[in-house]
Each structure stands twice: as structure tokens, then as C-alpha cells.
């Protein structure tokens, strides 16, 4: 009975540690072209959401090598747009880009149109230094951390047609060299498997070893 009880407790301990400290990612495909021409290579990339903890989500926008973010000369195109539901006080930190770093700024709550992607979006990022058209120094990665009261990966909502939008320019004949327009993520994100953080694995291993030692000592006492 003692051994069975310990094993049951150990299983509960492992489940508690892994579930309380690990988060699954949500990955959205940029699969919906609203370009008037070009943008013929799809999907154009992905948007990955990772829960950092309470009220914090890391966002990674990765374009394929067919495209680059761009700096549109009008209000119908924004580098990256999205909607949130039930979140207040949203801020963005740790903004970075590459492989050729550019200046991206968070515009905050407003009404932002990416033409062809349905209703306007609530939040936007602008790239003030990106090229308007095709460039030999493309920027295909945008990453940042969003913080806001009640923010989770499930807070990212569709604007009625798309969950996200990006304004791109084609970099080759496959995607339409120099062709520009908006591409959206029209489908819900796919959830990845939950993988415990390294620290959680260490705690789990320590618990297993400690419990195993207790079992050996108890069994040795019984035999003696």
C-alpha cells in the first residue's frame, strides 16, 4: 500500500509541475492574399504566439524568403495588424526585427485598415524604415512581447475575416517581384504540444529521485 500511494503521489506531482509551468504555442498561417497583383506564393509565413506568463504573450511574425515587410505610403496598409478581445492596457516591449533590422513602432489601440482583409483592426505596428518596394535588404522577422490585463494567446481574435494582417512586397518572380499588398491569416491557429520548461524538468527529476530514495529506505526498514 505504501509503495502504491507513493507512486500515485509521484504521478500527481509530475502532472502538477509540467502543467503549471509549460505553455503551448499557437501558430497561424499567413494564407489569405488580398494583393491586387502578385503575392502568388502562399503561405507567406507564420505568426506564433507564446504565453510568457500572466498577462504576457510573445509574438513572432516570420515571413518566407519570398517577401519582405514594407513601408506603405498610405493608410490602407500597415506592417502588422491584429485584434484583441477582453484585454486592457496593452503595451509592447522587446521589439526586434531581422535579418536586416528596421524600426518598427507599436501604434496602440485605434482603427487600422489593411485593404482587402475585411474590417479594420484594433492594433498595428508600423515600419518607418522599411523600403516601399522590393529591396536587397529584406526584413522578414518581427518579434515583440505584448503585455495587457487579461492577455492570453486566446485573446487574439478575428476581425471577422482575418486574425492578423501583414503588408508585404514580393522579392522574386515566384511571389511577384516588386508587387505589394496585404496578406492575412484567415484560419484559427494550430496549437503545438505542451513541452515542460527546463526548470520544470529539473524539479520533476529531483522529485522523482527523492521519492525513489524514500521508497528504498522504507522497503529496507521493512525487510530489516
C-alpha atoms as a PDB file:
ATOM      1  CA  UNK A   1       0.000   0.000   0.000  1.00  0.00           C
ATOM      2  CA  UNK A   2       2.827   2.391   0.883  1.00  0.00           C
ATOM      3  CA  UNK A   3       4.556   1.899  -2.461  1.00  0.00           C
ATOM      4  CA  UNK A   4       1.311   2.320  -4.401  1.00  0.00           C
ATOM      5  CA  UNK A   5       0.469   5.519  -2.536  1.00  0.00           C
ATOM      6  CA  UNK A   6       3.906   6.967  -3.232  1.00  0.00           C
ATOM      7  CA  UNK A   7       3.686   6.118  -6.928  1.00  0.00           C
ATOM      8  CA  UNK A   8       0.261   7.761  -7.187  1.00  0.00           C
ATOM      9  CA  UNK A   9       1.599  10.845  -5.415  1.00  0.00           C
ATOM     10  CA  UNK A  10       4.581  10.918  -7.766  1.00  0.00           C
ATOM     11  CA  UNK A  11       2.299  10.857 -10.810  1.00  0.00           C
ATOM     12  CA  UNK A  12       0.252  13.724  -9.434  1.00  0.00           C
ATOM     13  CA  UNK A  13       3.439  15.665  -8.704  1.00  0.00           C
ATOM     14  CA  UNK A  14       4.698  15.213 -12.277  1.00  0.00           C
ATOM     15  CA  UNK A  15       1.374  16.319 -13.732  1.00  0.00           C
ATOM     16  CA  UNK A  16       1.222  19.385 -11.492  1.00  0.00           C
ATOM     17  CA  UNK A  17       4.772  20.514 -12.283  1.00  0.00           C
ATOM     18  CA  UNK A  18       4.523  20.072 -16.045  1.00  0.00           C
ATOM     19  CA  UNK A  19       1.059  21.594 -16.462  1.00  0.00           C
ATOM     20  CA  UNK A  20       1.664  24.634 -14.268  1.00  0.00           C
ATOM     21  CA  UNK A  21       4.911  25.776 -15.839  1.00  0.00           C
ATOM     22  CA  UNK A  22       4.599  24.959 -19.552  1.00  0.00           C
ATOM     23  CA  UNK A  23       2.555  26.607 -22.292  1.00  0.00           C
ATOM     24  CA  UNK A  24       1.556  25.513 -25.769  1.00  0.00           C
ATOM     25  CA  UNK A  25       2.207  27.806 -28.738  1.00  0.00           C
ATOM     26  CA  UNK A  26      -0.453  28.855 -31.242  1.00  0.00           C
ATOM     27  CA  UNK A  27       0.756  29.102 -34.845  1.00  0.00           C
ATOM     28  CA  UNK A  28      -1.220  30.933 -37.542  1.00  0.00           C
ATOM     29  CA  UNK A  29      -0.549  30.621 -41.272  1.00  0.00           C
ATOM     30  CA  UNK A  30      -0.468  33.762 -43.443  1.00  0.00           C
ATOM     31  CA  UNK A  31      -2.537  32.144 -46.164  1.00  0.00           C
ATOM     32  CA  UNK A  32      -5.022  34.745 -47.418  1.00  0.00           C
ATOM     33  CA  UNK A  33      -3.841  37.109 -50.168  1.00  0.00           C
ATOM     34  CA  UNK A  34      -5.565  40.451 -50.604  1.00  0.00           C
ATOM     35  CA  UNK A  35      -2.975  41.714 -53.083  1.00  0.00           C
ATOM     36  CA  UNK A  36      -4.342  43.230 -56.270  1.00  0.00           C
ATOM     37  CA  UNK A  37      -1.479  41.525 -58.097  1.00  0.00           C
ATOM     38  CA  UNK A  38       1.411  39.284 -57.149  1.00  0.00           C
ATOM     39  CA  UNK A  39       1.604  37.647 -53.701  1.00  0.00           C
ATOM     40  CA  UNK A  40       1.188  34.337 -55.503  1.00  0.00           C
ATOM     41  CA  UNK A  41       3.419  32.303 -53.178  1.00  0.00           C
ATOM     42  CA  UNK A  42       1.384  31.195 -50.151  1.00  0.00           C
ATOM     43  CA  UNK A  43       1.534  30.789 -47.261  1.00  0.00           C
ATOM     44  CA  UNK A  44       3.644  33.912 -46.896  1.00  0.00           C
ATOM     45  CA  UNK A  45       4.784  32.994 -43.398  1.00  0.00           C
ATOM     46  CA  UNK A  46       3.528  32.377 -39.873  1.00  0.00           C
ATOM     47  CA  UNK A  47       2.518  34.195 -36.698  1.00  0.00           C
ATOM     48  CA  UNK A  48       3.473  32.357 -33.499  1.00  0.00           C
ATOM     49  CA  UNK A  49       2.040  33.192 -30.072  1.00  0.00           C
ATOM     50  CA  UNK A  50       3.710  32.032 -26.864  1.00  0.00           C
ATOM     51  CA  UNK A  51       2.324  32.631 -23.385  1.00  0.00           C
ATOM     52  CA  UNK A  52       5.137  34.063 -21.260  1.00  0.00           C
ATOM     53  CA  UNK A  53       3.093  34.043 -18.086  1.00  0.00           C
ATOM     54  CA  UNK A  54       0.183  36.001 -16.687  1.00  0.00           C
ATOM     55  CA  UNK A  55      -0.834  38.906 -18.963  1.00  0.00           C
ATOM     56  CA  UNK A  56       2.147  38.482 -21.326  1.00  0.00           C
ATOM     57  CA  UNK A  57       2.425  36.938 -24.802  1.00  0.00           C
ATOM     58  CA  UNK A  58       5.469  36.748 -27.069  1.00  0.00           C
ATOM     59  CA  UNK A  59       4.610  37.292 -30.749  1.00  0.00           C
ATOM     60  CA  UNK A  60       6.825  36.220 -33.649  1.00  0.00           C
ATOM     61  CA  UNK A  61       5.951  37.111 -37.245  1.00  0.00           C
ATOM     62  CA  UNK A  62       8.134  35.188 -39.701  1.00  0.00           C
ATOM     63  CA  UNK A  63       7.806  35.785 -43.454  1.00  0.00           C
ATOM     64  CA  UNK A  64       9.162  33.399 -46.056  1.00  0.00           C
ATOM     65  CA  UNK A  65      12.120  34.403 -48.225  1.00  0.00           C
ATOM     66  CA  UNK A  66       9.637  35.357 -50.979  1.00  0.00           C
ATOM     67  CA  UNK A  67       8.568  38.501 -49.126  1.00  0.00           C
ATOM     68  CA  UNK A  68       9.635  41.453 -47.009  1.00  0.00           C
ATOM     69  CA  UNK A  69       7.766  43.825 -44.715  1.00  0.00           C
ATOM     70  CA  UNK A  70       7.372  47.225 -46.339  1.00  0.00           C
ATOM     71  CA  UNK A  71       6.612  50.853 -45.541  1.00  0.00           C
ATOM     72  CA  UNK A  72       3.424  51.712 -47.425  1.00  0.00           C
ATOM     73  CA  UNK A  73       2.802  55.361 -48.363  1.00  0.00           C
ATOM     74  CA  UNK A  74      -0.912  55.309 -47.377  1.00  0.00           C
ATOM     75  CA  UNK A  75      -3.313  54.425 -44.561  1.00  0.00           C
ATOM     76  CA  UNK A  76      -4.633  51.266 -46.227  1.00  0.00           C
ATOM     77  CA  UNK A  77      -1.560  49.228 -45.391  1.00  0.00           C
ATOM     78  CA  UNK A  78       0.203  48.625 -42.083  1.00  0.00           C
ATOM     79  CA  UNK A  79       3.196  46.406 -41.448  1.00  0.00           C
ATOM     80  CA  UNK A  80       1.352  44.158 -38.975  1.00  0.00           C
ATOM     81  CA  UNK A  81      -2.192  44.363 -37.588  1.00  0.00           C
ATOM     82  CA  UNK A  82      -4.264  42.329 -35.128  1.00  0.00           C
ATOM     83  CA  UNK A  83      -7.318  42.326 -32.855  1.00  0.00           C
ATOM     84  CA  UNK A  84      -7.584  41.544 -29.144  1.00  0.00           C
ATOM     85  CA  UNK A  85     -10.689  40.694 -27.135  1.00  0.00           C
ATOM     86  CA  UNK A  86     -11.183  41.445 -23.433  1.00  0.00           C
ATOM     87  CA  UNK A  87      -7.733  42.994 -22.848  1.00  0.00           C
ATOM     88  CA  UNK A  88      -6.896  46.432 -21.482  1.00  0.00           C
ATOM     89  CA  UNK A  89      -3.752  48.496 -21.082  1.00  0.00           C
ATOM     90  CA  UNK A  90      -1.878  46.879 -23.964  1.00  0.00           C
ATOM     91  CA  UNK A  91       1.817  47.728 -24.365  1.00  0.00           C
ATOM     92  CA  UNK A  92       4.624  46.294 -26.485  1.00  0.00           C
ATOM     93  CA  UNK A  93       8.231  45.693 -25.413  1.00  0.00           C
ATOM     94  CA  UNK A  94      11.323  43.999 -26.794  1.00  0.00           C
ATOM     95  CA  UNK A  95      10.587  44.881 -30.434  1.00  0.00           C
ATOM     96  CA  UNK A  96      13.185  43.382 -32.793  1.00  0.00           C
ATOM     97  CA  UNK A  97      13.450  42.551 -36.484  1.00  0.00           C
ATOM     98  CA  UNK A  98      15.737  40.917 -38.998  1.00  0.00           C
ATOM     99  CA  UNK A  99      17.724  39.712 -40.768  1.00  0.00           C
ATOM    100  CA  UNK A 100      18.158  43.393 -41.659  1.00  0.00           C
ATOM    101  CA  UNK A 101      16.976  45.298 -38.613  1.00  0.00           C
ATOM    102  CA  UNK A 102      14.429  48.042 -39.184  1.00  0.00           C
ATOM    103  CA  UNK A 103      12.488  50.431 -36.943  1.00  0.00           C
ATOM    104  CA  UNK A 104       9.074  49.048 -36.020  1.00  0.00           C
ATOM    105  CA  UNK A 105       6.780  51.046 -33.727  1.00  0.00           C
ATOM    106  CA  UNK A 106       3.635  49.991 -31.898  1.00  0.00           C
ATOM    107  CA  UNK A 107       0.694  52.255 -32.728  1.00  0.00           C
ATOM    108  CA  UNK A 108      -1.594  51.117 -29.906  1.00  0.00           C
ATOM    109  CA  UNK A 109      -5.360  50.979 -29.791  1.00  0.00           C
ATOM    110  CA  UNK A 110      -7.032  52.529 -32.834  1.00  0.00           C
ATOM    111  CA  UNK A 111      -8.597  51.597 -36.158  1.00  0.00           C
ATOM    112  CA  UNK A 112      -6.194  50.277 -38.776  1.00  0.00           C
ATOM    113  CA  UNK A 113      -7.115  49.142 -42.264  1.00  0.00           C
ATOM    114  CA  UNK A 114      -5.191  46.555 -44.217  1.00  0.00           C
ATOM    115  CA  UNK A 115      -7.090  46.787 -47.507  1.00  0.00           C
ATOM    116  CA  UNK A 116      -8.840  43.616 -48.613  1.00  0.00           C
ATOM    117  CA  UNK A 117      -8.705  41.893 -45.206  1.00  0.00           C
ATOM    118  CA  UNK A 118     -12.187  42.815 -44.010  1.00  0.00           C
ATOM    119  CA  UNK A 119     -12.973  45.152 -41.117  1.00  0.00           C
ATOM    120  CA  UNK A 120     -10.342  47.369 -39.544  1.00  0.00           C
ATOM    121  CA  UNK A 121      -8.038  46.029 -36.832  1.00  0.00           C
ATOM    122  CA  UNK A 122      -7.543  47.414 -33.307  1.00  0.00           C
ATOM    123  CA  UNK A 123      -3.744  47.366 -33.106  1.00  0.00           C
ATOM    124  CA  UNK A 124      -0.899  47.937 -35.559  1.00  0.00           C
ATOM    125  CA  UNK A 125       2.848  48.036 -35.987  1.00  0.00           C
ATOM    126  CA  UNK A 126       4.434  50.389 -38.499  1.00  0.00           C
ATOM    127  CA  UNK A 127       7.855  50.036 -40.126  1.00  0.00           C
ATOM    128  CA  UNK A 128       9.192  53.548 -40.642  1.00  0.00           C
ATOM    129  CA  UNK A 129      12.490  52.459 -42.221  1.00  0.00           C
ATOM    130  CA  UNK A 130      11.336  49.578 -44.427  1.00  0.00           C
ATOM    131  CA  UNK A 131      11.509  50.057 -48.184  1.00  0.00           C
ATOM    132  CA  UNK A 132       8.324  50.883 -50.080  1.00  0.00           C
ATOM    133  CA  UNK A 133       9.092  48.347 -52.800  1.00  0.00           C
ATOM    134  CA  UNK A 134      11.421  45.434 -53.425  1.00  0.00           C
ATOM    135  CA  UNK A 135      14.724  45.671 -51.605  1.00  0.00           C
ATOM    136  CA  UNK A 136      18.087  43.914 -51.455  1.00  0.00           C
ATOM    137  CA  UNK A 137      17.972  44.132 -47.650  1.00  0.00           C
ATOM    138  CA  UNK A 138      14.652  42.469 -46.758  1.00  0.00           C
ATOM    139  CA  UNK A 139      13.163  42.323 -43.282  1.00  0.00           C
ATOM    140  CA  UNK A 140      11.278  39.075 -42.743  1.00  0.00           C
ATOM    141  CA  UNK A 141      11.123  38.732 -38.962  1.00  0.00           C
ATOM    142  CA  UNK A 142       9.248  40.853 -36.432  1.00  0.00           C
ATOM    143  CA  UNK A 143       9.157  39.817 -32.776  1.00  0.00           C
ATOM    144  CA  UNK A 144       7.912  41.532 -29.640  1.00  0.00           C
ATOM    145  CA  UNK A 145       6.218  40.933 -26.293  1.00  0.00           C
ATOM    146  CA  UNK A 146       2.714  42.187 -25.646  1.00  0.00           C
ATOM    147  CA  UNK A 147       1.529  42.917 -22.116  1.00  0.00           C
ATOM    148  CA  UNK A 148      -2.008  43.684 -21.020  1.00  0.00           C
ATOM    149  CA  UNK A 149      -4.521  42.893 -18.314  1.00  0.00           C
ATOM    150  CA  UNK A 150      -6.176  39.570 -19.138  1.00  0.00           C
ATOM    151  CA  UNK A 151      -3.904  38.866 -22.132  1.00  0.00           C
ATOM    152  CA  UNK A 152      -3.522  35.234 -23.227  1.00  0.00           C
ATOM    153  CA  UNK A 153      -2.905  33.571 -26.576  1.00  0.00           C
ATOM    154  CA  UNK A 154      -6.684  33.093 -26.785  1.00  0.00           C
ATOM    155  CA  UNK A 155      -7.218  36.869 -26.635  1.00  0.00           C
ATOM    156  CA  UNK A 156      -6.201  37.262 -30.293  1.00  0.00           C
ATOM    157  CA  UNK A 157      -9.460  37.373 -32.214  1.00  0.00           C
ATOM    158  CA  UNK A 158     -10.578  37.537 -35.837  1.00  0.00           C
ATOM    159  CA  UNK A 159     -11.734  40.911 -37.134  1.00  0.00           C
ATOM    160  CA  UNK A 160     -14.494  38.986 -38.880  1.00  0.00           C
ATOM    161  CA  UNK A 161     -12.295  37.769 -41.710  1.00  0.00           C
ATOM    162  CA  UNK A 162      -8.677  37.510 -40.506  1.00  0.00           C
ATOM    163  CA  UNK A 163      -6.772  37.123 -37.262  1.00  0.00           C
ATOM    164  CA  UNK A 164      -3.715  39.022 -38.487  1.00  0.00           C
ATOM    165  CA  UNK A 165      -2.577  41.051 -41.472  1.00  0.00           C
ATOM    166  CA  UNK A 166       0.830  41.934 -42.892  1.00  0.00           C
ATOM    167  CA  UNK A 167       1.781  44.371 -45.632  1.00  0.00           C
ATOM    168  CA  UNK A 168       4.399  42.807 -47.917  1.00  0.00           C
ATOM    169  CA  UNK A 169       6.380  43.259 -51.090  1.00  0.00           C
ATOM    170  CA  UNK A 170       7.390  40.376 -53.342  1.00  0.00           C
ATOM    171  CA  UNK A 171      11.110  39.719 -53.704  1.00  0.00           C
ATOM    172  CA  UNK A 172      11.214  37.337 -56.681  1.00  0.00           C
ATOM    173  CA  UNK A 173       9.295  36.161 -59.717  1.00  0.00           C
ATOM    174  CA  UNK A 174       7.612  33.407 -57.675  1.00  0.00           C
ATOM    175  CA  UNK A 175       5.900  35.868 -55.339  1.00  0.00           C
ATOM    176  CA  UNK A 176       5.725  38.738 -57.835  1.00  0.00           C
ATOM    177  CA  UNK A 177       8.843  40.874 -57.865  1.00  0.00           C
ATOM    178  CA  UNK A 178       8.002  44.346 -56.584  1.00  0.00           C
ATOM    179  CA  UNK A 179       4.302  43.521 -56.199  1.00  0.00           C
ATOM    180  CA  UNK A 180       2.745  44.740 -52.972  1.00  0.00           C
ATOM    181  CA  UNK A 181      -0.317  44.153 -50.845  1.00  0.00           C
ATOM    182  CA  UNK A 182      -1.766  42.720 -47.664  1.00  0.00           C
ATOM    183  CA  UNK A 183      -1.804  39.062 -46.636  1.00  0.00           C
ATOM    184  CA  UNK A 184      -3.953  37.754 -43.789  1.00  0.00           C
ATOM    185  CA  UNK A 185      -4.278  34.745 -41.520  1.00  0.00           C
ATOM    186  CA  UNK A 186      -7.839  33.629 -42.121  1.00  0.00           C
ATOM    187  CA  UNK A 187      -7.902  30.423 -40.049  1.00  0.00           C
ATOM    188  CA  UNK A 188      -7.565  29.807 -36.281  1.00  0.00           C
ATOM    189  CA  UNK A 189      -4.095  28.949 -35.061  1.00  0.00           C
ATOM    190  CA  UNK A 190      -2.832  25.406 -34.581  1.00  0.00           C
ATOM    191  CA  UNK A 191      -1.812  24.539 -31.020  1.00  0.00           C
ATOM    192  CA  UNK A 192       1.518  22.818 -30.502  1.00  0.00           C
ATOM    193  CA  UNK A 193       2.178  20.121 -27.906  1.00  0.00           C
ATOM    194  CA  UNK A 194       2.976  21.317 -24.399  1.00  0.00           C
ATOM    195  CA  UNK A 195       6.655  20.856 -23.537  1.00  0.00           C
ATOM    196  CA  UNK A 196       7.826  21.419 -19.941  1.00  0.00           C
ATOM    197  CA  UNK A 197      10.370  24.169 -19.407  1.00  0.00           C
ATOM    198  CA  UNK A 198      13.940  23.011 -18.494  1.00  0.00           C
ATOM    199  CA  UNK A 199      13.479  24.256 -14.934  1.00  0.00           C
ATOM    200  CA  UNK A 200      10.305  22.221 -14.584  1.00  0.00           C
ATOM    201  CA  UNK A 201      12.061  19.117 -15.839  1.00  0.00           C
ATOM    202  CA  UNK A 202      14.778  19.632 -13.213  1.00  0.00           C
ATOM    203  CA  UNK A 203      12.197  19.918 -10.442  1.00  0.00           C
ATOM    204  CA  UNK A 204      10.418  16.842 -11.731  1.00  0.00           C
ATOM    205  CA  UNK A 205      13.626  14.810 -11.842  1.00  0.00           C
ATOM    206  CA  UNK A 206      14.554  15.929  -8.325  1.00  0.00           C
ATOM    207  CA  UNK A 207      11.146  14.883  -7.038  1.00  0.00           C
ATOM    208  CA  UNK A 208      11.395  11.503  -8.722  1.00  0.00           C
ATOM    209  CA  UNK A 209      14.841  10.809  -7.262  1.00  0.00           C
ATOM    210  CA  UNK A 210      13.796  11.921  -3.797  1.00  0.00           C
ATOM    211  CA  UNK A 211      10.662   9.796  -3.804  1.00  0.00           C
ATOM    212  CA  UNK A 212      12.559   6.780  -5.125  1.00  0.00           C
ATOM    213  CA  UNK A 213      15.067   7.143  -2.288  1.00  0.00           C
ATOM    214  CA  UNK A 214      12.262   7.267   0.255  1.00  0.00           C
ATOM    215  CA  UNK A 215      10.777   4.083  -1.185  1.00  0.00           C
ATOM    216  CA  UNK A 216      14.130   2.276  -0.972  1.00  0.00           C
ATOM    217  CA  UNK A 217      14.703   3.367   2.607  1.00  0.00           C
ATOM    218  CA  UNK A 218      11.201   2.354   3.677  1.00  0.00           C
ATOM    219  CA  UNK A 219      11.437  -1.016   1.971  1.00  0.00           C
ATOM    220  CA  UNK A 220      14.850  -1.614   3.549  1.00  0.00           C
ATOM    221  CA  UNK A 221      13.414  -0.858   7.005  1.00  0.00           C
ATOM    222  CA  UNK A 222      10.545  -3.303   6.433  1.00  0.00           C
ATOM    223  CA  UNK A 223      12.935  -6.102   5.396  1.00  0.00           C
ATOM    224  CA  UNK A 224      15.191  -5.429   8.376  1.00  0.00           C
END
